[in-house]
C-alpha atoms as a PDB file:
ATOM      1  CA  MET A   1       0.005  -0.003   0.001  1.00  0.00           C
ATOM      2  CA  LYS A   2       2.866   2.366   0.885  1.00  0.00           C
ATOM      3  CA  ALA A   3       4.587   1.516  -2.438  1.00  0.00           C
ATOM      4  CA  MET A   4       1.378   2.383  -4.270  1.00  0.00           C
ATOM      5  CA  THR A   5       1.150   5.707  -2.395  1.00  0.00           C
ATOM      6  CA  LYS A   6       4.770   6.535  -3.307  1.00  0.00           C
ATOM      7  CA  LYS A   7       4.032   5.675  -6.927  1.00  0.00           C
ATOM      8  CA  LYS A   8       1.048   8.053  -6.968  1.00  0.00           C
ATOM      9  CA  TRP A   9       3.186  10.850  -5.478  1.00  0.00           C
ATOM     10  CA  LEU A  10       5.938  10.218  -8.038  1.00  0.00           C
ATOM     11  CA  ILE A  11       3.442  10.365 -10.886  1.00  0.00           C
ATOM     12  CA  LEU A  12       1.969  13.560  -9.471  1.00  0.00           C
ATOM     13  CA  ILE A  13       5.383  15.228  -9.205  1.00  0.00           C
ATOM     14  CA  ILE A  14       6.305  14.209 -12.765  1.00  0.00           C
ATOM     15  CA  LEU A  15       3.025  15.518 -14.120  1.00  0.00           C
ATOM     16  CA  LEU A  16       3.414  18.792 -12.242  1.00  0.00           C
ATOM     17  CA  GLY A  17       6.944  19.224 -13.570  1.00  0.00           C
ATOM     18  CA  LEU A  18       5.707  18.514 -17.105  1.00  0.00           C
ATOM     19  CA  TRP A  19       2.869  21.015 -16.601  1.00  0.00           C
ATOM     20  CA  MET A  20       5.321  23.725 -15.543  1.00  0.00           C
ATOM     21  CA  LEU A  21       7.679  22.946 -18.402  1.00  0.00           C
ATOM     22  CA  ILE A  22       4.923  23.279 -20.998  1.00  0.00           C
ATOM     23  CA  TYR A  23       3.119  26.227 -19.424  1.00  0.00           C
ATOM     24  CA  PHE A  24       6.143  28.460 -18.941  1.00  0.00           C
ATOM     25  CA  ASN A  25       7.420  27.800 -22.452  1.00  0.00           C
ATOM     26  CA  LEU A  26       4.160  28.306 -24.321  1.00  0.00           C
ATOM     27  CA  THR A  27       5.133  31.719 -25.638  1.00  0.00           C
ATOM     28  CA  LEU A  28       8.470  30.466 -27.003  1.00  0.00           C
ATOM     29  CA  ALA A  29       6.874  27.358 -28.499  1.00  0.00           C
ATOM     30  CA  THR A  30       4.035  29.361 -30.130  1.00  0.00           C
ATOM     31  CA  ASP A  31       6.375  31.971 -31.610  1.00  0.00           C
ATOM     32  CA  TRP A  32       8.697  29.211 -32.885  1.00  0.00           C
ATOM     33  CA  PHE A  33       5.805  27.377 -34.549  1.00  0.00           C
ATOM     34  CA  ILE A  34       4.296  30.495 -36.135  1.00  0.00           C
ATOM     35  CA  ASP A  35       7.509  32.325 -37.131  1.00  0.00           C
ATOM     36  CA  ASP A  36       9.870  29.449 -37.950  1.00  0.00           C
ATOM     37  CA  VAL A  37       7.821  26.381 -38.798  1.00  0.00           C
ATOM     38  CA  LEU A  38       4.908  28.068 -40.608  1.00  0.00           C
ATOM     39  CA  ALA A  39       7.033  31.128 -41.514  1.00  0.00           C
ATOM     40  CA  LEU A  40       4.001  33.430 -41.475  1.00  0.00           C
ATOM     41  CA  PRO A  41       4.581  37.174 -41.829  1.00  0.00           C
ATOM     42  CA  THR A  42       4.375  38.982 -38.498  1.00  0.00           C
ATOM     43  CA  GLY A  43       1.561  41.462 -37.927  1.00  0.00           C
ATOM     44  CA  ARG A  44      -0.922  40.016 -40.442  1.00  0.00           C
ATOM     45  CA  HIS A  45      -4.476  39.401 -39.223  1.00  0.00           C
ATOM     46  CA  LEU A  46      -4.337  35.674 -39.932  1.00  0.00           C
ATOM     47  CA  THR A  47      -0.917  35.359 -38.296  1.00  0.00           C
ATOM     48  CA  GLU A  48      -1.958  37.035 -35.056  1.00  0.00           C
ATOM     49  CA  THR A  49      -5.259  35.165 -34.969  1.00  0.00           C
ATOM     50  CA  LEU A  50      -3.438  31.836 -35.255  1.00  0.00           C
ATOM     51  CA  ARG A  51      -0.811  32.950 -32.752  1.00  0.00           C
ATOM     52  CA  PHE A  52      -3.540  33.826 -30.231  1.00  0.00           C
ATOM     53  CA  PHE A  53      -5.430  30.560 -30.785  1.00  0.00           C
ATOM     54  CA  ILE A  54      -2.365  28.285 -30.678  1.00  0.00           C
ATOM     55  CA  PHE A  55      -1.169  29.982 -27.500  1.00  0.00           C
ATOM     56  CA  GLU A  56      -4.503  30.246 -25.665  1.00  0.00           C
ATOM     57  CA  VAL A  57      -5.858  26.743 -26.269  1.00  0.00           C
ATOM     58  CA  PRO A  58      -3.085  24.856 -24.436  1.00  0.00           C
ATOM     59  CA  LYS A  59      -2.811  27.645 -21.833  1.00  0.00           C
ATOM     60  CA  VAL A  60      -6.497  27.475 -20.937  1.00  0.00           C
ATOM     61  CA  PHE A  61      -6.542  23.683 -20.894  1.00  0.00           C
ATOM     62  CA  LEU A  62      -3.443  23.555 -18.690  1.00  0.00           C
ATOM     63  CA  LEU A  63      -5.003  26.027 -16.278  1.00  0.00           C
ATOM     64  CA  LEU A  64      -8.321  24.206 -16.452  1.00  0.00           C
ATOM     65  CA  ILE A  65      -6.761  20.849 -15.633  1.00  0.00           C
ATOM     66  CA  LEU A  66      -4.700  22.226 -12.747  1.00  0.00           C
ATOM     67  CA  ILE A  67      -7.576  24.198 -11.234  1.00  0.00           C
ATOM     68  CA  ILE A  68     -10.072  21.351 -11.555  1.00  0.00           C
ATOM     69  CA  PHE A  69      -7.571  19.002  -9.942  1.00  0.00           C
ATOM     70  CA  VAL A  70      -6.874  21.353  -7.024  1.00  0.00           C
ATOM     71  CA  VAL A  71     -10.554  22.258  -6.569  1.00  0.00           C
ATOM     72  CA  GLY A  72     -11.418  18.543  -6.709  1.00  0.00           C
ATOM     73  CA  ILE A  73      -9.022  17.800  -3.850  1.00  0.00           C
ATOM     74  CA  ILE A  74     -10.375  20.734  -1.857  1.00  0.00           C
ATOM     75  CA  ARG A  75     -13.957  19.580  -2.474  1.00  0.00           C
ATOM     76  CA  SER A  76     -13.084  16.151  -1.075  1.00  0.00           C
ATOM     77  CA  TYR A  77     -12.464  17.802   2.328  1.00  0.00           C
ATOM     78  CA  PHE A  78     -15.738  19.665   2.498  1.00  0.00           C
ATOM     79  CA  THR A  79     -18.900  17.556   2.492  1.00  0.00           C
ATOM     80  CA  PRO A  80     -22.249  19.245   1.810  1.00  0.00           C
ATOM     81  CA  GLU A  81     -23.179  18.748   5.454  1.00  0.00           C
ATOM     82  CA  ARG A  82     -20.116  20.646   6.740  1.00  0.00           C
ATOM     83  CA  THR A  83     -20.668  23.523   4.364  1.00  0.00           C
ATOM     84  CA  ARG A  84     -24.335  23.774   5.267  1.00  0.00           C
ATOM     85  CA  LYS A  85     -23.393  23.977   8.951  1.00  0.00           C
ATOM     86  CA  ALA A  86     -20.881  26.754   8.193  1.00  0.00           C
ATOM     87  CA  LEU A  87     -23.633  28.740   6.457  1.00  0.00           C
ATOM     88  CA  GLU A  88     -26.325  27.878   8.967  1.00  0.00           C
ATOM     89  CA  GLY A  89     -28.123  30.917  10.398  1.00  0.00           C
ATOM     90  CA  LYS A  90     -26.767  33.301   7.762  1.00  0.00           C
ATOM     91  CA  SER A  91     -29.181  35.270   5.602  1.00  0.00           C
ATOM     92  CA  LEU A  92     -29.020  35.191   1.806  1.00  0.00           C
ATOM     93  CA  PHE A  93     -27.645  38.714   1.657  1.00  0.00           C
ATOM     94  CA  THR A  94     -24.955  37.941   4.270  1.00  0.00           C
ATOM     95  CA  GLY A  95     -23.960  34.935   2.196  1.00  0.00           C
ATOM     96  CA  ASN A  96     -23.669  37.128  -0.922  1.00  0.00           C
ATOM     97  CA  ILE A  97     -21.353  39.501   0.966  1.00  0.00           C
ATOM     98  CA  LEU A  98     -19.165  36.692   2.327  1.00  0.00           C
ATOM     99  CA  ALA A  99     -18.966  34.971  -1.087  1.00  0.00           C
ATOM    100  CA  SER A 100     -18.005  38.240  -2.816  1.00  0.00           C
ATOM    101  CA  LEU A 101     -15.289  39.038  -0.240  1.00  0.00           C
ATOM    102  CA  LEU A 102     -13.970  35.475  -0.600  1.00  0.00           C
ATOM    103  CA  GLY A 103     -13.850  35.945  -4.349  1.00  0.00           C
ATOM    104  CA  ILE A 104     -11.451  38.887  -3.998  1.00  0.00           C
ATOM    105  CA  VAL A 105      -8.764  36.806  -2.311  1.00  0.00           C
ATOM    106  CA  THR A 106      -9.330  33.665  -4.360  1.00  0.00           C
ATOM    107  CA  PRO A 107      -7.143  33.338  -7.489  1.00  0.00           C
ATOM    108  CA  PHE A 108      -9.725  31.758  -9.795  1.00  0.00           C
ATOM    109  CA  CYS A 109     -10.280  32.659 -13.436  1.00  0.00           C
ATOM    110  CA  THR A 110     -12.746  31.996 -16.219  1.00  0.00           C
ATOM    111  CA  CYS A 111     -11.635  28.397 -16.778  1.00  0.00           C
ATOM    112  CA  SER A 112     -12.509  27.500 -13.167  1.00  0.00           C
ATOM    113  CA  ALA A 113     -16.185  28.440 -13.621  1.00  0.00           C
ATOM    114  CA  ILE A 114     -17.572  24.886 -13.828  1.00  0.00           C
ATOM    115  CA  PRO A 115     -15.611  23.199 -11.004  1.00  0.00           C
ATOM    116  CA  LEU A 116     -16.398  26.127  -8.724  1.00  0.00           C
ATOM    117  CA  PHE A 117     -20.053  26.052  -9.699  1.00  0.00           C
ATOM    118  CA  LEU A 118     -20.265  22.296  -9.113  1.00  0.00           C
ATOM    119  CA  GLY A 119     -18.491  22.606  -5.765  1.00  0.00           C
ATOM    120  CA  PHE A 120     -20.880  25.298  -4.548  1.00  0.00           C
ATOM    121  CA  VAL A 121     -23.986  23.447  -5.725  1.00  0.00           C
ATOM    122  CA  GLU A 122     -22.731  20.192  -4.285  1.00  0.00           C
ATOM    123  CA  SER A 123     -22.266  21.870  -0.935  1.00  0.00           C
ATOM    124  CA  GLY A 124     -25.837  23.081  -0.884  1.00  0.00           C
ATOM    125  CA  ILE A 125     -24.923  26.763  -1.311  1.00  0.00           C
ATOM    126  CA  PRO A 126     -27.757  28.785  -2.935  1.00  0.00           C
ATOM    127  CA  LEU A 127     -27.309  29.804  -6.577  1.00  0.00           C
ATOM    128  CA  GLY A 128     -27.385  33.506  -5.722  1.00  0.00           C
ATOM    129  CA  ILE A 129     -24.380  33.153  -3.410  1.00  0.00           C
ATOM    130  CA  THR A 130     -22.610  31.031  -6.034  1.00  0.00           C
ATOM    131  CA  PHE A 131     -23.024  33.776  -8.640  1.00  0.00           C
ATOM    132  CA  SER A 132     -21.698  36.418  -6.254  1.00  0.00           C
ATOM    133  CA  PHE A 133     -18.506  34.402  -5.971  1.00  0.00           C
ATOM    134  CA  LEU A 134     -18.246  33.678  -9.687  1.00  0.00           C
ATOM    135  CA  ILE A 135     -18.484  37.437 -10.432  1.00  0.00           C
ATOM    136  CA  ALA A 136     -16.104  38.644  -7.755  1.00  0.00           C
ATOM    137  CA  ALA A 137     -13.374  36.014  -8.247  1.00  0.00           C
ATOM    138  CA  PRO A 138     -12.268  37.029 -11.785  1.00  0.00           C
ATOM    139  CA  MET A 139     -13.329  40.685 -11.673  1.00  0.00           C
ATOM    140  CA  ILE A 140     -11.821  41.848  -8.341  1.00  0.00           C
ATOM    141  CA  ASN A 141      -8.538  40.043  -7.827  1.00  0.00           C
ATOM    142  CA  GLU A 142      -5.148  41.128  -6.569  1.00  0.00           C
ATOM    143  CA  VAL A 143      -3.756  41.462 -10.098  1.00  0.00           C
ATOM    144  CA  ALA A 144      -6.500  43.880 -11.137  1.00  0.00           C
ATOM    145  CA  VAL A 145      -6.191  45.922  -7.933  1.00  0.00           C
ATOM    146  CA  ILE A 146      -2.391  46.201  -8.131  1.00  0.00           C
ATOM    147  CA  LEU A 147      -2.351  47.159 -11.817  1.00  0.00           C
ATOM    148  CA  LEU A 148      -5.168  49.703 -11.376  1.00  0.00           C
ATOM    149  CA  PHE A 149      -3.354  51.211  -8.415  1.00  0.00           C
ATOM    150  CA  GLY A 150      -0.091  51.456 -10.333  1.00  0.00           C
ATOM    151  CA  MET A 151      -1.682  52.985 -13.467  1.00  0.00           C
ATOM    152  CA  PHE A 152      -4.469  55.162 -12.096  1.00  0.00           C
ATOM    153  CA  GLY A 153      -3.853  55.635  -8.374  1.00  0.00           C
ATOM    154  CA  TRP A 154      -5.550  54.463  -5.207  1.00  0.00           C
ATOM    155  CA  GLU A 155      -8.781  56.364  -5.768  1.00  0.00           C
ATOM    156  CA  VAL A 156      -9.613  54.557  -9.002  1.00  0.00           C
ATOM    157  CA  ALA A 157      -8.532  51.211  -7.558  1.00  0.00           C
ATOM    158  CA  SER A 158     -10.667  51.749  -4.427  1.00  0.00           C
ATOM    159  CA  ILE A 159     -13.763  52.796  -6.376  1.00  0.00           C
ATOM    160  CA  TYR A 160     -13.297  49.815  -8.683  1.00  0.00           C
ATOM    161  CA  ILE A 161     -13.156  47.425  -5.715  1.00  0.00           C
ATOM    162  CA  VAL A 162     -16.227  48.925  -4.062  1.00  0.00           C
ATOM    163  CA  THR A 163     -18.297  49.043  -7.246  1.00  0.00           C
ATOM    164  CA  GLY A 164     -17.185  45.546  -8.253  1.00  0.00           C
ATOM    165  CA  LEU A 165     -18.265  44.244  -4.858  1.00  0.00           C
ATOM    166  CA  VAL A 166     -21.634  46.006  -5.188  1.00  0.00           C
ATOM    167  CA  ILE A 167     -22.145  44.351  -8.594  1.00  0.00           C
ATOM    168  CA  ALA A 168     -21.230  40.886  -7.284  1.00  0.00           C
ATOM    169  CA  ILE A 169     -23.355  41.170  -4.128  1.00  0.00           C
ATOM    170  CA  THR A 170     -26.385  42.750  -5.829  1.00  0.00           C
ATOM    171  CA  THR A 171     -26.340  40.398  -8.825  1.00  0.00           C
ATOM    172  CA  GLY A 172     -26.128  37.326  -6.591  1.00  0.00           C
ATOM    173  CA  TRP A 173     -28.901  38.620  -4.351  1.00  0.00           C
ATOM    174  CA  VAL A 174     -31.203  39.338  -7.330  1.00  0.00           C
ATOM    175  CA  ILE A 175     -30.582  35.905  -8.906  1.00  0.00           C
ATOM    176  CA  GLY A 176     -31.194  34.291  -5.520  1.00  0.00           C
ATOM    177  CA  LYS A 177     -34.538  36.065  -5.194  1.00  0.00           C
ATOM    178  CA  LEU A 178     -35.588  34.899  -8.657  1.00  0.00           C
ATOM    179  CA  HIS A 179     -35.393  31.219  -7.618  1.00  0.00           C
ATOM    180  CA  VAL A 180     -33.905  30.005 -10.882  1.00  0.00           C
ATOM    181  CA  GLU A 181     -32.823  26.506  -9.840  1.00  0.00           C
ATOM    182  CA  ARG A 182     -34.985  24.992 -12.592  1.00  0.00           C
ATOM    183  CA  PHE A 183     -32.692  26.595 -15.150  1.00  0.00           C
ATOM    184  CA  VAL A 184     -29.654  24.560 -14.005  1.00  0.00           C
ATOM    185  CA  GLU A 185     -28.912  21.477 -16.115  1.00  0.00           C
ATOM    186  CA  SER A 186     -30.138  18.258 -14.459  1.00  0.00           C
ATOM    187  CA  TRP A 187     -26.756  16.495 -14.638  1.00  0.00           C
ATOM    188  CA  VAL A 188     -25.339  19.009 -12.150  1.00  0.00           C
ATOM    189  CA  PHE A 189     -27.684  17.781  -9.422  1.00  0.00           C
ATOM    190  CA  GLU A 190     -27.000  14.161 -10.390  1.00  0.00           C
ATOM    191  CA  ILE A 191     -23.293  14.728  -9.746  1.00  0.00           C
ATOM    192  CA  LYS A 192     -24.253  16.323  -6.459  1.00  0.00           C
ATOM    193  CA  ALA A 193     -26.197  13.246  -5.418  1.00  0.00           C
ATOM    194  CA  GLY A 194     -23.590  10.798  -6.623  1.00  0.00           C
ATOM    195  CA  HIS A 195     -20.550  12.249  -4.917  1.00  0.00           C
ATOM    196  CA  ILE A 196     -21.780  12.914  -1.372  1.00  0.00           C
ATOM    197  CA  GLU A 197     -21.049   9.453   0.049  1.00  0.00           C
ATOM    198  CA  ASP A 198     -17.697   9.121  -1.737  1.00  0.00           C
ATOM    199  CA  GLN A 199     -16.407  12.411  -0.385  1.00  0.00           C
ATOM    200  CA  GLU A 200     -17.443  11.661   3.191  1.00  0.00           C
ATOM    201  CA  GLU A 201     -15.550   8.353   3.229  1.00  0.00           C
ATOM    202  CA  LYS A 202     -12.230   9.692   1.923  1.00  0.00           C
ATOM    203  CA  SER A 203      -9.497  10.128   4.520  1.00  0.00           C
ATOM    204  CA  ARG A 204      -6.087   9.439   2.948  1.00  0.00           C
ATOM    205  CA  PHE A 205      -4.558  12.148   0.804  1.00  0.00           C
ATOM    206  CA  SER A 206      -3.719   9.622  -1.931  1.00  0.00           C
ATOM    207  CA  ASP A 207      -7.472   8.950  -2.224  1.00  0.00           C
ATOM    208  CA  ARG A 208      -8.140  12.674  -2.532  1.00  0.00           C
ATOM    209  CA  ILE A 209      -5.535  12.859  -5.327  1.00  0.00           C
ATOM    210  CA  GLN A 210      -7.367  10.082  -7.117  1.00  0.00           C
ATOM    211  CA  PHE A 211     -10.621  11.999  -6.667  1.00  0.00           C
ATOM    212  CA  GLY A 212      -8.904  15.024  -8.243  1.00  0.00           C
ATOM    213  CA  TYR A 213      -7.873  12.963 -11.279  1.00  0.00           C
ATOM    214  CA  ALA A 214     -11.434  11.642 -11.655  1.00  0.00           C
ATOM    215  CA  THR A 215     -12.889  15.135 -11.440  1.00  0.00           C
ATOM    216  CA  VAL A 216     -10.533  16.362 -14.205  1.00  0.00           C
ATOM    217  CA  GLN A 217     -11.473  13.492 -16.478  1.00  0.00           C
ATOM    218  CA  GLU A 218     -15.209  13.963 -15.899  1.00  0.00           C
ATOM    219  CA  ILE A 219     -15.439  17.744 -16.327  1.00  0.00           C
ATOM    220  CA  VAL A 220     -12.890  18.274 -19.093  1.00  0.00           C
ATOM    221  CA  GLY A 221     -14.567  15.508 -21.049  1.00  0.00           C
ATOM    222  CA  LYS A 222     -17.800  17.468 -20.949  1.00  0.00           C
ATOM    223  CA  VAL A 223     -16.563  21.003 -21.738  1.00  0.00           C
ATOM    224  CA  TRP A 224     -13.526  20.736 -24.053  1.00  0.00           C
ATOM    225  CA  ILE A 225     -15.445  21.558 -27.231  1.00  0.00           C
ATOM    226  CA  TYR A 226     -17.055  24.620 -25.654  1.00  0.00           C
ATOM    227  CA  ILE A 227     -13.633  25.953 -24.650  1.00  0.00           C
ATOM    228  CA  ILE A 228     -12.190  25.557 -28.146  1.00  0.00           C
ATOM    229  CA  ILE A 229     -15.188  27.325 -29.706  1.00  0.00           C
ATOM    230  CA  GLY A 230     -14.943  30.183 -27.215  1.00  0.00           C
ATOM    231  CA  ILE A 231     -11.237  30.694 -27.745  1.00  0.00           C
ATOM    232  CA  GLY A 232     -11.744  30.507 -31.515  1.00  0.00           C
ATOM    233  CA  VAL A 233     -14.207  33.388 -31.371  1.00  0.00           C
ATOM    234  CA  GLY A 234     -11.867  35.362 -29.124  1.00  0.00           C
ATOM    235  CA  ALA A 235      -8.949  34.740 -31.468  1.00  0.00           C
ATOM    236  CA  ALA A 236     -10.919  35.993 -34.480  1.00  0.00           C
ATOM    237  CA  VAL A 237     -11.871  39.199 -32.684  1.00  0.00           C
ATOM    238  CA  HIS A 238      -8.325  39.613 -31.372  1.00  0.00           C
ATOM    239  CA  GLY A 239      -6.780  39.263 -34.796  1.00  0.00           C
ATOM    240  CA  TYR A 240      -9.282  41.117 -37.005  1.00  0.00           C
ATOM    241  CA  VAL A 241     -10.703  43.940 -34.840  1.00  0.00           C
ATOM    242  CA  PRO A 242      -8.204  46.847 -34.749  1.00  0.00           C
ATOM    243  CA  GLU A 243      -7.482  48.443 -31.379  1.00  0.00           C
ATOM    244  CA  GLN A 244      -7.743  51.908 -32.947  1.00  0.00           C
ATOM    245  CA  PHE A 245     -11.229  51.058 -34.181  1.00  0.00           C
ATOM    246  CA  MET A 246     -12.345  50.202 -30.653  1.00  0.00           C
ATOM    247  CA  ALA A 247     -10.706  53.354 -29.277  1.00  0.00           C
ATOM    248  CA  ASN A 248     -12.557  55.533 -31.805  1.00  0.00           C
ATOM    249  CA  LEU A 249     -15.841  53.741 -31.288  1.00  0.00           C
ATOM    250  CA  MET A 250     -15.781  53.837 -27.480  1.00  0.00           C
ATOM    251  CA  GLY A 251     -14.264  57.331 -27.322  1.00  0.00           C
ATOM    252  CA  LYS A 252     -17.309  59.160 -28.583  1.00  0.00           C
ATOM    253  CA  SER A 253     -18.969  61.300 -25.908  1.00  0.00           C
ATOM    254  CA  THR A 254     -22.388  59.803 -26.422  1.00  0.00           C
ATOM    255  CA  TRP A 255     -24.845  58.172 -24.062  1.00  0.00           C
ATOM    256  CA  TYR A 256     -24.433  54.728 -25.651  1.00  0.00           C
ATOM    257  CA  SER A 257     -20.612  54.537 -25.348  1.00  0.00           C
ATOM    258  CA  VAL A 258     -20.778  52.582 -22.023  1.00  0.00           C
ATOM    259  CA  PRO A 259     -23.295  49.883 -23.091  1.00  0.00           C
ATOM    260  CA  LEU A 260     -21.529  49.684 -26.457  1.00  0.00           C
ATOM    261  CA  SER A 261     -18.198  49.049 -24.703  1.00  0.00           C
ATOM    262  CA  ILE A 262     -19.816  46.152 -22.859  1.00  0.00           C
ATOM    263  CA  LEU A 263     -21.084  44.622 -26.114  1.00  0.00           C
ATOM    264  CA  ILE A 264     -17.580  44.945 -27.589  1.00  0.00           C
ATOM    265  CA  GLY A 265     -15.955  43.479 -24.480  1.00  0.00           C
ATOM    266  CA  ILE A 266     -18.079  40.347 -24.065  1.00  0.00           C
ATOM    267  CA  PRO A 267     -16.720  38.427 -27.126  1.00  0.00           C
ATOM    268  CA  LEU A 268     -13.115  39.102 -26.101  1.00  0.00           C
ATOM    269  CA  TYR A 269     -11.091  36.734 -23.932  1.00  0.00           C
ATOM    270  CA  SER A 270      -8.518  37.927 -21.430  1.00  0.00           C
ATOM    271  CA  ASN A 271      -7.729  38.173 -17.740  1.00  0.00           C
ATOM    272  CA  ALA A 272      -6.980  41.274 -15.662  1.00  0.00           C
ATOM    273  CA  ALA A 273      -3.275  41.148 -16.426  1.00  0.00           C
ATOM    274  CA  GLY A 274      -3.946  41.062 -20.159  1.00  0.00           C
ATOM    275  CA  ILE A 275      -6.759  43.589 -20.419  1.00  0.00           C
ATOM    276  CA  ILE A 276      -5.658  46.376 -18.038  1.00  0.00           C
ATOM    277  CA  PRO A 277      -2.695  47.450 -20.242  1.00  0.00           C
ATOM    278  CA  ILE A 278      -5.127  47.647 -23.190  1.00  0.00           C
ATOM    279  CA  VAL A 279      -7.492  49.724 -21.046  1.00  0.00           C
ATOM    280  CA  SER A 280      -4.603  52.062 -20.277  1.00  0.00           C
ATOM    281  CA  VAL A 281      -3.901  52.493 -24.012  1.00  0.00           C
ATOM    282  CA  LEU A 282      -7.598  53.142 -24.712  1.00  0.00           C
ATOM    283  CA  ILE A 283      -7.695  55.846 -22.053  1.00  0.00           C
ATOM    284  CA  GLU A 284      -4.556  57.445 -23.492  1.00  0.00           C
ATOM    285  CA  LYS A 285      -6.308  57.575 -26.875  1.00  0.00           C
ATOM    286  CA  GLY A 286      -9.274  59.477 -25.440  1.00  0.00           C
ATOM    287  CA  VAL A 287     -11.663  56.790 -24.228  1.00  0.00           C
ATOM    288  CA  PRO A 288     -13.411  58.016 -21.019  1.00  0.00           C
ATOM    289  CA  ILE A 289     -12.227  56.124 -17.940  1.00  0.00           C
ATOM    290  CA  GLY A 290     -15.727  54.877 -17.063  1.00  0.00           C
ATOM    291  CA  THR A 291     -16.242  53.541 -20.587  1.00  0.00           C
ATOM    292  CA  ALA A 292     -12.840  51.856 -20.554  1.00  0.00           C
ATOM    293  CA  LEU A 293     -13.418  50.249 -17.144  1.00  0.00           C
ATOM    294  CA  ALA A 294     -16.881  49.063 -18.215  1.00  0.00           C
ATOM    295  CA  PHE A 295     -15.156  47.437 -21.200  1.00  0.00           C
ATOM    296  CA  MET A 296     -12.639  45.834 -18.841  1.00  0.00           C
ATOM    297  CA  MET A 297     -15.351  44.537 -16.488  1.00  0.00           C
ATOM    298  CA  ALA A 298     -17.220  43.026 -19.431  1.00  0.00           C
ATOM    299  CA  VAL A 299     -14.100  41.266 -20.731  1.00  0.00           C
ATOM    300  CA  ILE A 300     -13.257  39.837 -17.307  1.00  0.00           C
ATOM    301  CA  GLY A 301     -16.684  39.243 -15.820  1.00  0.00           C
ATOM    302  CA  LEU A 302     -18.812  38.466 -18.878  1.00  0.00           C
ATOM    303  CA  SER A 303     -16.380  36.920 -21.327  1.00  0.00           C
ATOM    304  CA  LEU A 304     -17.868  34.778 -24.077  1.00  0.00           C
ATOM    305  CA  PRO A 305     -15.642  31.771 -23.225  1.00  0.00           C
ATOM    306  CA  GLU A 306     -17.001  31.779 -19.663  1.00  0.00           C
ATOM    307  CA  MET A 307     -20.580  31.969 -20.929  1.00  0.00           C
ATOM    308  CA  ILE A 308     -19.890  29.096 -23.331  1.00  0.00           C
ATOM    309  CA  ILE A 309     -18.330  27.052 -20.529  1.00  0.00           C
ATOM    310  CA  LEU A 310     -21.209  27.836 -18.155  1.00  0.00           C
ATOM    311  CA  ARG A 311     -23.689  26.755 -20.861  1.00  0.00           C
ATOM    312  CA  LYS A 312     -22.762  23.201 -19.952  1.00  0.00           C
ATOM    313  CA  VAL A 313     -24.246  23.652 -16.483  1.00  0.00           C
ATOM    314  CA  LEU A 314     -26.815  26.450 -17.013  1.00  0.00           C
ATOM    315  CA  LYS A 315     -29.735  26.798 -19.393  1.00  0.00           C
ATOM    316  CA  LEU A 316     -29.786  29.766 -21.758  1.00  0.00           C
ATOM    317  CA  ARG A 317     -32.467  31.644 -19.852  1.00  0.00           C
ATOM    318  CA  LEU A 318     -30.369  31.725 -16.681  1.00  0.00           C
ATOM    319  CA  ILE A 319     -27.231  32.715 -18.644  1.00  0.00           C
ATOM    320  CA  PHE A 320     -29.089  35.620 -20.261  1.00  0.00           C
ATOM    321  CA  THR A 321     -30.489  36.659 -16.876  1.00  0.00           C
ATOM    322  CA  PHE A 322     -26.981  36.589 -15.440  1.00  0.00           C
ATOM    323  CA  ILE A 323     -25.613  38.644 -18.341  1.00  0.00           C
ATOM    324  CA  GLY A 324     -28.453  41.154 -18.112  1.00  0.00           C
ATOM    325  CA  VAL A 325     -28.154  41.796 -14.353  1.00  0.00           C
ATOM    326  CA  VAL A 326     -24.341  42.044 -14.437  1.00  0.00           C
ATOM    327  CA  SER A 327     -24.428  44.304 -17.508  1.00  0.00           C
ATOM    328  CA  LEU A 328     -26.842  46.656 -15.763  1.00  0.00           C
ATOM    329  CA  GLY A 329     -24.438  46.934 -12.826  1.00  0.00           C
ATOM    330  CA  ILE A 330     -21.470  47.552 -15.128  1.00  0.00           C
ATOM    331  CA  VAL A 331     -23.382  50.270 -17.027  1.00  0.00           C
ATOM    332  CA  ILE A 332     -24.085  52.064 -13.754  1.00  0.00           C
ATOM    333  CA  VAL A 333     -20.399  51.795 -12.759  1.00  0.00           C
ATOM    334  CA  GLY A 334     -19.297  53.103 -16.160  1.00  0.00           C
ATOM    335  CA  TYR A 335     -21.542  56.167 -15.999  1.00  0.00           C
ATOM    336  CA  LEU A 336     -20.448  56.783 -12.384  1.00  0.00           C
ATOM    337  CA  PHE A 337     -16.766  56.815 -13.323  1.00  0.00           C
ATOM    338  CA  ASN A 338     -17.430  59.085 -16.318  1.00  0.00           C
ATOM    339  CA  LEU A 339     -19.314  61.464 -14.058  1.00  0.00           C
ATOM    340  CA  ILE A 340     -16.581  61.563 -11.403  1.00  0.00           C
ATOM    341  CA  TYR A 341     -13.567  61.763 -13.754  1.00  0.00           C
END
């Protein structure tokens, strides 16, 4: 038994080393393949679209596998009964606040949407609280706060945190009040029912590692095609929509610039580290700060890849409700920033 445990640990270490080797060399490998193997001219629309796609697909899958594995291990420690006891006596609104605050300090991104959603549902946490976490985690993270502070100062960073929290808390509370459980795909609740006993019986860490492997196989097997489609759309927009065009379009001092920036931002795919430098460039080119930040919030909090991934666990009506409520909050934030600055 000990030999088997050592073997599992050795396999895990080898896989982790292979993961790091691939992940931290993706840029070099992508550039080598595009520039040397395919010998495509740099700067062309097709070239940059392929570069984006070839880089992002393995990056997202690597992150997805690692996050699902880690979340799977974490989920094996927390049975639905324990989580329910932790939340016992707390009102829905209090739960939305706690979930949103937890999202700020939790380094999860778009690709973690499904394992996080399944973990929350499996633990008996209401959908409204789950959505508060799913909004806050990617939108208000330490990377976003640090970059905003460095580029725009503490006032902008502070207002962004507060308004982002308000969006996450309010959106989750509204969705919770709508009682939309019937718009969650049935297989989500089947997983919930099937895993409760298994999780409660696990005690050895080697068993939890095995549970992490099984979770990766199950979830990635269901969502891989959605991820590729989402990244493909993002790559096309990235390669063929000029940055100057977006700056001109969103820079007009008209009432529809904020909602328009949200519509432009949703199809794009990026995280805070990737989008904030672009936001800085847009502001330098004359885009109002509120409009630019609304664009940033839409890219991070309402990205098309996340919606495509969530489609596997949510029905379209709930996804559109989620998009509508969050978009309304972002529009209010955008106009508020434009009014203040």
